[in-house]
Amino acid sequence: MKANKNLTSLSQFVDKEYGVKGTENRDKLESEYEAFKLGVLIQQARQEKGMTQEEVAVLAGTNKSYFSKLEKDSKDIRFSTLQRIIKDGLGGHLELSIKL
């Protein structure tokens, strides 16, 4: 099978479109991706528990509108609110890590 010279890897595409790591555009992209990923993780956990947004929001002491925005675009969230959503709303445990 012949290799297609026009194909690029995802890493190459991101480098070309957003710049290499450490540049302003790339840092912005990666920051936004982390926020998006958090929203997706919360949504997946909620769905695995078979709960609605409203059910989780009530248990976590927030409202459905706020929770919906969190899942859609991961609006800025206070750490204490995130902990309540995970612990009280979803009955889970939040684990964090720092990668350098």
PDB file of N, CA and C in Angstrom:
ATOM      1  N   MET A   1       0.839  -1.170   0.000  1.00  0.00           N
ATOM      2  CA  MET A   1       0.000   0.000   0.000  1.00  0.00           C
ATOM      3  C   MET A   1       0.893   1.245   0.000  1.00  0.00           C
ATOM      4  N   LYS A   2       0.570   2.202  -0.859  1.00  0.00           N
ATOM      5  CA  LYS A   2       1.331   3.438  -0.952  1.00  0.00           C
ATOM      6  C   LYS A   2       0.909   4.420   0.126  1.00  0.00           C
ATOM      7  N   ALA A   3       1.890   5.128   0.668  1.00  0.00           N
ATOM      8  CA  ALA A   3       1.601   6.165   1.652  1.00  0.00           C
ATOM      9  C   ALA A   3       1.144   7.422   0.920  1.00  0.00           C
ATOM     10  N   ASN A   4       0.154   8.076   1.456  1.00  0.00           N
ATOM     11  CA  ASN A   4      -0.346   9.317   0.875  1.00  0.00           C
ATOM     12  C   ASN A   4       0.471  10.473   1.454  1.00  0.00           C
ATOM     13  N   LYS A   5       1.206  11.157   0.594  1.00  0.00           N
ATOM     14  CA  LYS A   5       2.082  12.237   1.041  1.00  0.00           C
ATOM     15  C   LYS A   5       1.304  13.467   1.513  1.00  0.00           C
ATOM     16  N   ASN A   6       0.025  13.534   1.196  1.00  0.00           N
ATOM     17  CA  ASN A   6      -0.784  14.679   1.587  1.00  0.00           C
ATOM     18  C   ASN A   6      -1.378  14.543   2.993  1.00  0.00           C
ATOM     19  N   LEU A   7      -1.259  13.363   3.586  1.00  0.00           N
ATOM     20  CA  LEU A   7      -1.802  13.149   4.923  1.00  0.00           C
ATOM     21  C   LEU A   7      -0.865  13.713   5.982  1.00  0.00           C
ATOM     22  N   THR A   8      -1.465  14.255   7.026  1.00  0.00           N
ATOM     23  CA  THR A   8      -0.671  14.728   8.158  1.00  0.00           C
ATOM     24  C   THR A   8      -1.231  14.118   9.430  1.00  0.00           C
ATOM     25  N   SER A   9      -0.410  14.032  10.440  1.00  0.00           N
ATOM     26  CA  SER A   9      -0.876  13.525  11.723  1.00  0.00           C
ATOM     27  C   SER A   9      -1.647  14.631  12.443  1.00  0.00           C
ATOM     28  N   LEU A  10      -2.380  14.244  13.460  1.00  0.00           N
ATOM     29  CA  LEU A  10      -3.107  15.239  14.248  1.00  0.00           C
ATOM     30  C   LEU A  10      -2.135  16.235  14.871  1.00  0.00           C
ATOM     31  N   SER A  11      -1.017  15.746  15.390  1.00  0.00           N
ATOM     32  CA  SER A  11      -0.012  16.632  15.992  1.00  0.00           C
ATOM     33  C   SER A  11       0.512  17.641  14.978  1.00  0.00           C
ATOM     34  N   GLN A  12       0.779  17.182  13.760  1.00  0.00           N
ATOM     35  CA  GLN A  12       1.260  18.084  12.720  1.00  0.00           C
ATOM     36  C   GLN A  12       0.199  19.127  12.363  1.00  0.00           C
ATOM     37  N   PHE A  13      -1.041  18.688  12.270  1.00  0.00           N
ATOM     38  CA  PHE A  13      -2.136  19.595  11.956  1.00  0.00           C
ATOM     39  C   PHE A  13      -2.274  20.674  13.032  1.00  0.00           C
ATOM     40  N   VAL A  14      -2.269  20.257  14.298  1.00  0.00           N
ATOM     41  CA  VAL A  14      -2.412  21.208  15.408  1.00  0.00           C
ATOM     42  C   VAL A  14      -1.238  22.188  15.424  1.00  0.00           C
ATOM     43  N   ASP A  15      -0.022  21.677  15.224  1.00  0.00           N
ATOM     44  CA  ASP A  15       1.154  22.556  15.168  1.00  0.00           C
ATOM     45  C   ASP A  15       1.007  23.597  14.067  1.00  0.00           C
ATOM     46  N   LYS A  16       0.527  23.160  12.906  1.00  0.00           N
ATOM     47  CA  LYS A  16       0.399  24.060  11.764  1.00  0.00           C
ATOM     48  C   LYS A  16      -0.703  25.097  11.984  1.00  0.00           C
ATOM     49  N   GLU A  17      -1.855  24.650  12.499  1.00  0.00           N
ATOM     50  CA  GLU A  17      -3.009  25.541  12.635  1.00  0.00           C
ATOM     51  C   GLU A  17      -2.951  26.437  13.870  1.00  0.00           C
ATOM     52  N   TYR A  18      -2.340  25.941  14.946  1.00  0.00           N
ATOM     53  CA  TYR A  18      -2.372  26.676  16.215  1.00  0.00           C
ATOM     54  C   TYR A  18      -0.999  27.037  16.757  1.00  0.00           C
ATOM     55  N   GLY A  19       0.049  26.565  16.113  1.00  0.00           N
ATOM     56  CA  GLY A  19       1.405  26.847  16.573  1.00  0.00           C
ATOM     57  C   GLY A  19       1.907  25.737  17.489  1.00  0.00           C
ATOM     58  N   VAL A  20       3.182  25.777  17.748  1.00  0.00           N
ATOM     59  CA  VAL A  20       3.793  24.755  18.598  1.00  0.00           C
ATOM     60  C   VAL A  20       3.493  25.069  20.059  1.00  0.00           C
ATOM     61  N   LYS A  21       3.671  24.071  20.918  1.00  0.00           N
ATOM     62  CA  LYS A  21       3.436  24.260  22.348  1.00  0.00           C
ATOM     63  C   LYS A  21       4.257  25.433  22.858  1.00  0.00           C
ATOM     64  N   GLY A  22       3.614  26.239  23.698  1.00  0.00           N
ATOM     65  CA  GLY A  22       4.287  27.406  24.246  1.00  0.00           C
ATOM     66  C   GLY A  22       3.911  28.706  23.559  1.00  0.00           C
ATOM     67  N   THR A  23       3.272  28.612  22.380  1.00  0.00           N
ATOM     68  CA  THR A  23       2.820  29.827  21.708  1.00  0.00           C
ATOM     69  C   THR A  23       1.446  30.210  22.247  1.00  0.00           C
ATOM     70  N   GLU A  24       1.086  31.471  22.102  1.00  0.00           N
ATOM     71  CA  GLU A  24      -0.166  31.980  22.670  1.00  0.00           C
ATOM     72  C   GLU A  24      -1.393  31.228  22.138  1.00  0.00           C
ATOM     73  N   ASN A  25      -1.475  31.053  20.819  1.00  0.00           N
ATOM     74  CA  ASN A  25      -2.630  30.358  20.234  1.00  0.00           C
ATOM     75  C   ASN A  25      -2.724  28.916  20.708  1.00  0.00           C
ATOM     76  N   ARG A  26      -1.610  28.243  20.774  1.00  0.00           N
ATOM     77  CA  ARG A  26      -1.599  26.837  21.197  1.00  0.00           C
ATOM     78  C   ARG A  26      -1.986  26.719  22.667  1.00  0.00           C
ATOM     79  N   ASP A  27      -1.461  27.609  23.504  1.00  0.00           N
ATOM     80  CA  ASP A  27      -1.819  27.585  24.923  1.00  0.00           C
ATOM     81  C   ASP A  27      -3.311  27.812  25.116  1.00  0.00           C
ATOM     82  N   LYS A  28      -3.885  28.723  24.327  1.00  0.00           N
ATOM     83  CA  LYS A  28      -5.325  28.993  24.402  1.00  0.00           C
ATOM     84  C   LYS A  28      -6.115  27.750  23.988  1.00  0.00           C
ATOM     85  N   LEU A  29      -5.715  27.118  22.910  1.00  0.00           N
ATOM     86  CA  LEU A  29      -6.385  25.901  22.446  1.00  0.00           C
ATOM     87  C   LEU A  29      -6.345  24.829  23.527  1.00  0.00           C
ATOM     88  N   GLU A  30      -5.194  24.607  24.102  1.00  0.00           N
ATOM     89  CA  GLU A  30      -5.064  23.539  25.098  1.00  0.00           C
ATOM     90  C   GLU A  30      -5.855  23.853  26.361  1.00  0.00           C
ATOM     91  N   SER A  31      -5.915  25.106  26.739  1.00  0.00           N
ATOM     92  CA  SER A  31      -6.706  25.506  27.898  1.00  0.00           C
ATOM     93  C   SER A  31      -8.192  25.266  27.641  1.00  0.00           C
ATOM     94  N   GLU A  32      -8.658  25.659  26.469  1.00  0.00           N
ATOM     95  CA  GLU A  32     -10.062  25.457  26.117  1.00  0.00           C
ATOM     96  C   GLU A  32     -10.395  23.973  26.005  1.00  0.00           C
ATOM     97  N   TYR A  33      -9.450  23.181  25.532  1.00  0.00           N
ATOM     98  CA  TYR A  33      -9.668  21.739  25.427  1.00  0.00           C
ATOM     99  C   TYR A  33      -9.838  21.127  26.811  1.00  0.00           C
ATOM    100  N   GLU A  34      -9.044  21.556  27.771  1.00  0.00           N
ATOM    101  CA  GLU A  34      -9.154  21.025  29.131  1.00  0.00           C
ATOM    102  C   GLU A  34     -10.524  21.341  29.717  1.00  0.00           C
ATOM    103  N   ALA A  35     -11.025  22.544  29.481  1.00  0.00           N
ATOM    104  CA  ALA A  35     -12.344  22.925  29.972  1.00  0.00           C
ATOM    105  C   ALA A  35     -13.418  22.084  29.290  1.00  0.00           C
ATOM    106  N   PHE A  36     -13.295  21.886  27.994  1.00  0.00           N
ATOM    107  CA  PHE A  36     -14.242  21.054  27.243  1.00  0.00           C
ATOM    108  C   PHE A  36     -14.238  19.636  27.780  1.00  0.00           C
ATOM    109  N   LYS A  37     -13.044  19.111  28.033  1.00  0.00           N
ATOM    110  CA  LYS A  37     -12.897  17.737  28.522  1.00  0.00           C
ATOM    111  C   LYS A  37     -13.583  17.573  29.877  1.00  0.00           C
ATOM    112  N   LEU A  38     -13.469  18.563  30.743  1.00  0.00           N
ATOM    113  CA  LEU A  38     -14.125  18.494  32.048  1.00  0.00           C
ATOM    114  C   LEU A  38     -15.635  18.385  31.883  1.00  0.00           C
ATOM    115  N   GLY A  39     -16.205  19.195  31.009  1.00  0.00           N
ATOM    116  CA  GLY A  39     -17.638  19.133  30.762  1.00  0.00           C
ATOM    117  C   GLY A  39     -18.076  17.771  30.251  1.00  0.00           C
ATOM    118  N   VAL A  40     -17.284  17.192  29.354  1.00  0.00           N
ATOM    119  CA  VAL A  40     -17.604  15.874  28.804  1.00  0.00           C
ATOM    120  C   VAL A  40     -17.519  14.805  29.895  1.00  0.00           C
ATOM    121  N   LEU A  41     -16.509  14.876  30.738  1.00  0.00           N
ATOM    122  CA  LEU A  41     -16.364  13.896  31.823  1.00  0.00           C
ATOM    123  C   LEU A  41     -17.551  13.950  32.782  1.00  0.00           C
ATOM    124  N   ILE A  42     -17.992  15.150  33.110  1.00  0.00           N
ATOM    125  CA  ILE A  42     -19.146  15.299  33.996  1.00  0.00           C
ATOM    126  C   ILE A  42     -20.401  14.757  33.325  1.00  0.00           C
ATOM    127  N   GLN A  43     -20.574  15.060  32.052  1.00  0.00           N
ATOM    128  CA  GLN A  43     -21.745  14.560  31.326  1.00  0.00           C
ATOM    129  C   GLN A  43     -21.742  13.034  31.259  1.00  0.00           C
ATOM    130  N   GLN A  44     -20.606  12.440  30.969  1.00  0.00           N
ATOM    131  CA  GLN A  44     -20.517  10.977  30.899  1.00  0.00           C
ATOM    132  C   GLN A  44     -20.828  10.338  32.252  1.00  0.00           C
ATOM    133  N   ALA A  45     -20.302  10.919  33.321  1.00  0.00           N
ATOM    134  CA  ALA A  45     -20.559  10.376  34.657  1.00  0.00           C
ATOM    135  C   ALA A  45     -22.046  10.460  34.989  1.00  0.00           C
ATOM    136  N   ARG A  46     -22.666  11.589  34.649  1.00  0.00           N
ATOM    137  CA  ARG A  46     -24.101  11.759  34.910  1.00  0.00           C
ATOM    138  C   ARG A  46     -24.923  10.734  34.138  1.00  0.00           C
ATOM    139  N   GLN A  47     -24.575  10.544  32.875  1.00  0.00           N
ATOM    140  CA  GLN A  47     -25.313   9.587  32.046  1.00  0.00           C
ATOM    141  C   GLN A  47     -25.109   8.153  32.529  1.00  0.00           C
ATOM    142  N   GLU A  48     -23.909   7.830  32.967  1.00  0.00           N
ATOM    143  CA  GLU A  48     -23.656   6.486  33.503  1.00  0.00           C
ATOM    144  C   GLU A  48     -24.502   6.216  34.738  1.00  0.00           C
ATOM    145  N   LYS A  49     -24.762   7.264  35.520  1.00  0.00           N
ATOM    146  CA  LYS A  49     -25.602   7.125  36.714  1.00  0.00           C
ATOM    147  C   LYS A  49     -27.088   7.149  36.355  1.00  0.00           C
ATOM    148  N   GLY A  50     -27.415   7.438  35.103  1.00  0.00           N
ATOM    149  CA  GLY A  50     -28.805   7.490  34.662  1.00  0.00           C
ATOM    150  C   GLY A  50     -29.564   8.674  35.247  1.00  0.00           C
ATOM    151  N   MET A  51     -28.856   9.773  35.451  1.00  0.00           N
ATOM    152  CA  MET A  51     -29.458  10.945  36.077  1.00  0.00           C
ATOM    153  C   MET A  51     -29.647  12.070  35.063  1.00  0.00           C
ATOM    154  N   THR A  52     -30.623  12.918  35.343  1.00  0.00           N
ATOM    155  CA  THR A  52     -30.821  14.109  34.523  1.00  0.00           C
ATOM    156  C   THR A  52     -29.939  15.231  35.063  1.00  0.00           C
ATOM    157  N   GLN A  53     -29.780  16.262  34.249  1.00  0.00           N
ATOM    158  CA  GLN A  53     -29.026  17.435  34.701  1.00  0.00           C
ATOM    159  C   GLN A  53     -29.686  18.045  35.932  1.00  0.00           C
ATOM    160  N   GLU A  54     -31.001  18.108  35.916  1.00  0.00           N
ATOM    161  CA  GLU A  54     -31.720  18.709  37.029  1.00  0.00           C
ATOM    162  C   GLU A  54     -31.524  17.921  38.319  1.00  0.00           C
ATOM    163  N   GLU A  55     -31.555  16.596  38.231  1.00  0.00           N
ATOM    164  CA  GLU A  55     -31.351  15.773  39.425  1.00  0.00           C
ATOM    165  C   GLU A  55     -29.987  16.024  40.054  1.00  0.00           C
ATOM    166  N   VAL A  56     -28.955  16.056  39.224  1.00  0.00           N
ATOM    167  CA  VAL A  56     -27.604  16.297  39.733  1.00  0.00           C
ATOM    168  C   VAL A  56     -27.504  17.712  40.301  1.00  0.00           C
ATOM    169  N   ALA A  57     -28.062  18.677  39.589  1.00  0.00           N
ATOM    170  CA  ALA A  57     -27.999  20.072  40.029  1.00  0.00           C
ATOM    171  C   ALA A  57     -28.647  20.246  41.397  1.00  0.00           C
ATOM    172  N   VAL A  58     -29.808  19.663  41.603  1.00  0.00           N
ATOM    173  CA  VAL A  58     -30.505  19.791  42.888  1.00  0.00           C
ATOM    174  C   VAL A  58     -29.663  19.180  44.008  1.00  0.00           C
ATOM    175  N   LEU A  59     -29.135  17.997  43.784  1.00  0.00           N
ATOM    176  CA  LEU A  59     -28.316  17.338  44.806  1.00  0.00           C
ATOM    177  C   LEU A  59     -27.041  18.127  45.116  1.00  0.00           C
ATOM    178  N   ALA A  60     -26.519  18.825  44.110  1.00  0.00           N
ATOM    179  CA  ALA A  60     -25.276  19.577  44.275  1.00  0.00           C
ATOM    180  C   ALA A  60     -25.516  21.009  44.754  1.00  0.00           C
ATOM    181  N   GLY A  61     -26.772  21.392  44.883  1.00  0.00           N
ATOM    182  CA  GLY A  61     -27.077  22.737  45.370  1.00  0.00           C
ATOM    183  C   GLY A  61     -26.895  23.826  44.323  1.00  0.00           C
ATOM    184  N   THR A  62     -27.101  23.476  43.077  1.00  0.00           N
ATOM    185  CA  THR A  62     -27.023  24.465  42.001  1.00  0.00           C
ATOM    186  C   THR A  62     -28.310  24.362  41.188  1.00  0.00           C
ATOM    187  N   ASN A  63     -28.346  24.917  39.994  1.00  0.00           N
ATOM    188  CA  ASN A  63     -29.568  24.808  39.188  1.00  0.00           C
ATOM    189  C   ASN A  63     -29.262  24.180  37.825  1.00  0.00           C
ATOM    190  N   LYS A  64     -30.317  23.729  37.159  1.00  0.00           N
ATOM    191  CA  LYS A  64     -30.161  23.029  35.887  1.00  0.00           C
ATOM    192  C   LYS A  64     -29.477  23.899  34.836  1.00  0.00           C
ATOM    193  N   SER A  65     -29.833  25.174  34.797  1.00  0.00           N
ATOM    194  CA  SER A  65     -29.248  26.076  33.804  1.00  0.00           C
ATOM    195  C   SER A  65     -27.725  26.147  33.954  1.00  0.00           C
ATOM    196  N   TYR A  66     -27.265  26.329  35.167  1.00  0.00           N
ATOM    197  CA  TYR A  66     -25.823  26.386  35.437  1.00  0.00           C
ATOM    198  C   TYR A  66     -25.169  25.057  35.057  1.00  0.00           C
ATOM    199  N   PHE A  67     -25.796  23.971  35.451  1.00  0.00           N
ATOM    200  CA  PHE A  67     -25.236  22.656  35.183  1.00  0.00           C
ATOM    201  C   PHE A  67     -25.179  22.381  33.681  1.00  0.00           C
ATOM    202  N   SER A  68     -26.209  22.782  32.954  1.00  0.00           N
ATOM    203  CA  SER A  68     -26.235  22.610  31.508  1.00  0.00           C
ATOM    204  C   SER A  68     -25.090  23.371  30.851  1.00  0.00           C
ATOM    205  N   LYS A  69     -24.870  24.611  31.281  1.00  0.00           N
ATOM    206  CA  LYS A  69     -23.767  25.407  30.742  1.00  0.00           C
ATOM    207  C   LYS A  69     -22.429  24.755  31.048  1.00  0.00           C
ATOM    208  N   LEU A  70     -22.317  24.181  32.204  1.00  0.00           N
ATOM    209  CA  LEU A  70     -21.079  23.504  32.595  1.00  0.00           C
ATOM    210  C   LEU A  70     -20.788  22.331  31.657  1.00  0.00           C
ATOM    211  N   GLU A  71     -21.797  21.544  31.370  1.00  0.00           N
ATOM    212  CA  GLU A  71     -21.597  20.406  30.470  1.00  0.00           C
ATOM    213  C   GLU A  71     -21.329  20.847  29.035  1.00  0.00           C
ATOM    214  N   LYS A  72     -21.981  21.911  28.588  1.00  0.00           N
ATOM    215  CA  LYS A  72     -21.847  22.345  27.194  1.00  0.00           C
ATOM    216  C   LYS A  72     -20.517  23.027  26.912  1.00  0.00           C
ATOM    217  N   ASP A  73     -20.178  23.990  27.732  1.00  0.00           N
ATOM    218  CA  ASP A  73     -18.978  24.757  27.415  1.00  0.00           C
ATOM    219  C   ASP A  73     -18.074  24.968  28.618  1.00  0.00           C
ATOM    220  N   SER A  74     -18.309  24.173  29.640  1.00  0.00           N
ATOM    221  CA  SER A  74     -17.484  24.231  30.848  1.00  0.00           C
ATOM    222  C   SER A  74     -17.188  25.652  31.283  1.00  0.00           C
ATOM    223  N   LYS A  75     -18.262  26.378  31.552  1.00  0.00           N
ATOM    224  CA  LYS A  75     -18.063  27.723  32.064  1.00  0.00           C
ATOM    225  C   LYS A  75     -17.164  27.639  33.283  1.00  0.00           C
ATOM    226  N   ASP A  76     -16.521  28.716  33.601  1.00  0.00           N
ATOM    227  CA  ASP A  76     -15.630  28.715  34.762  1.00  0.00           C
ATOM    228  C   ASP A  76     -16.376  28.182  35.971  1.00  0.00           C
ATOM    229  N   ILE A  77     -15.726  27.311  36.694  1.00  0.00           N
ATOM    230  CA  ILE A  77     -16.360  26.681  37.835  1.00  0.00           C
ATOM    231  C   ILE A  77     -15.439  26.782  39.045  1.00  0.00           C
ATOM    232  N   ARG A  78     -16.012  27.107  40.174  1.00  0.00           N
ATOM    233  CA  ARG A  78     -15.236  27.127  41.408  1.00  0.00           C
ATOM    234  C   ARG A  78     -14.932  25.691  41.814  1.00  0.00           C
ATOM    235  N   PHE A  79     -13.785  25.511  42.404  1.00  0.00           N
ATOM    236  CA  PHE A  79     -13.373  24.179  42.822  1.00  0.00           C
ATOM    237  C   PHE A  79     -14.372  23.579  43.811  1.00  0.00           C
ATOM    238  N   SER A  80     -14.868  24.393  44.738  1.00  0.00           N
ATOM    239  CA  SER A  80     -15.823  23.889  45.731  1.00  0.00           C
ATOM    240  C   SER A  80     -17.122  23.424  45.066  1.00  0.00           C
ATOM    241  N   THR A  81     -17.539  24.128  44.005  1.00  0.00           N
ATOM    242  CA  THR A  81     -18.744  23.720  43.273  1.00  0.00           C
ATOM    243  C   THR A  81     -18.495  22.417  42.530  1.00  0.00           C
ATOM    244  N   LEU A  82     -17.326  22.297  41.918  1.00  0.00           N
ATOM    245  CA  LEU A  82     -16.974  21.053  41.235  1.00  0.00           C
ATOM    246  C   LEU A  82     -16.989  19.887  42.221  1.00  0.00           C
ATOM    247  N   GLN A  83     -16.439  20.096  43.393  1.00  0.00           N
ATOM    248  CA  GLN A  83     -16.435  19.036  44.403  1.00  0.00           C
ATOM    249  C   GLN A  83     -17.858  18.645  44.795  1.00  0.00           C
ATOM    250  N   ARG A  84     -18.746  19.622  44.980  1.00  0.00           N
ATOM    251  CA  ARG A  84     -20.136  19.317  45.339  1.00  0.00           C
ATOM    252  C   ARG A  84     -20.840  18.542  44.236  1.00  0.00           C
ATOM    253  N   ILE A  85     -20.585  18.926  42.984  1.00  0.00           N
ATOM    254  CA  ILE A  85     -21.214  18.221  41.864  1.00  0.00           C
ATOM    255  C   ILE A  85     -20.766  16.764  41.839  1.00  0.00           C
ATOM    256  N   ILE A  86     -19.480  16.547  42.002  1.00  0.00           N
ATOM    257  CA  ILE A  86     -18.956  15.177  41.957  1.00  0.00           C
ATOM    258  C   ILE A  86     -19.413  14.380  43.173  1.00  0.00           C
ATOM    259  N   LYS A  87     -19.253  14.949  44.369  1.00  0.00           N
ATOM    260  CA  LYS A  87     -19.544  14.212  45.599  1.00  0.00           C
ATOM    261  C   LYS A  87     -21.044  14.107  45.866  1.00  0.00           C
ATOM    262  N   ASP A  88     -21.708  15.254  45.969  1.00  0.00           N
ATOM    263  CA  ASP A  88     -23.119  15.269  46.363  1.00  0.00           C
ATOM    264  C   ASP A  88     -24.058  14.959  45.197  1.00  0.00           C
ATOM    265  N   GLY A  89     -23.735  15.504  44.023  1.00  0.00           N
ATOM    266  CA  GLY A  89     -24.608  15.305  42.871  1.00  0.00           C
ATOM    267  C   GLY A  89     -24.473  13.941  42.227  1.00  0.00           C
ATOM    268  N   LEU A  90     -23.230  13.489  42.086  1.00  0.00           N
ATOM    269  CA  LEU A  90     -22.986  12.218  41.387  1.00  0.00           C
ATOM    270  C   LEU A  90     -22.586  11.078  42.317  1.00  0.00           C
ATOM    271  N   GLY A  91     -22.329  11.394  43.572  1.00  0.00           N
ATOM    272  CA  GLY A  91     -21.928  10.346  44.514  1.00  0.00           C
ATOM    273  C   GLY A  91     -20.546   9.795  44.212  1.00  0.00           C
ATOM    274  N   GLY A  92     -19.702  10.624  43.635  1.00  0.00           N
ATOM    275  CA  GLY A  92     -18.366  10.178  43.239  1.00  0.00           C
ATOM    276  C   GLY A  92     -17.271  10.819  44.062  1.00  0.00           C
ATOM    277  N   HIS A  93     -16.067  10.601  43.622  1.00  0.00           N
ATOM    278  CA  HIS A  93     -14.877  11.128  44.280  1.00  0.00           C
ATOM    279  C   HIS A  93     -14.017  11.802  43.226  1.00  0.00           C
ATOM    280  N   LEU A  94     -13.616  13.034  43.486  1.00  0.00           N
ATOM    281  CA  LEU A  94     -12.806  13.798  42.549  1.00  0.00           C
ATOM    282  C   LEU A  94     -11.341  13.497  42.787  1.00  0.00           C
ATOM    283  N   GLU A  95     -10.642  13.123  41.723  1.00  0.00           N
ATOM    284  CA  GLU A  95      -9.203  12.889  41.796  1.00  0.00           C
ATOM    285  C   GLU A  95      -8.529  13.873  40.867  1.00  0.00           C
ATOM    286  N   LEU A  96      -7.444  14.477  41.333  1.00  0.00           N
ATOM    287  CA  LEU A  96      -6.701  15.448  40.549  1.00  0.00           C
ATOM    288  C   LEU A  96      -5.258  14.998  40.387  1.00  0.00           C
ATOM    289  N   SER A  97      -4.638  15.481  39.344  1.00  0.00           N
ATOM    290  CA  SER A  97      -3.211  15.240  39.174  1.00  0.00           C
ATOM    291  C   SER A  97      -2.601  16.465  38.515  1.00  0.00           C
ATOM    292  N   ILE A  98      -1.327  16.626  38.751  1.00  0.00           N
ATOM    293  CA  ILE A  98      -0.580  17.723  38.141  1.00  0.00           C
ATOM    294  C   ILE A  98       0.517  17.108  37.303  1.00  0.00           C
ATOM    295  N   LYS A  99       0.567  17.471  36.031  1.00  0.00           N
ATOM    296  CA  LYS A  99       1.591  16.981  35.138  1.00  0.00           C
ATOM    297  C   LYS A  99       2.488  18.142  34.757  1.00  0.00           C
ATOM    298  N   LEU A 100       3.754  17.965  34.935  1.00  0.00           N
ATOM    299  CA  LEU A 100       4.707  19.018  34.591  1.00  0.00           C
ATOM    300  C   LEU A 100       5.448  18.668  33.322  1.00  0.00           C
TER     301      LEU A 100
END
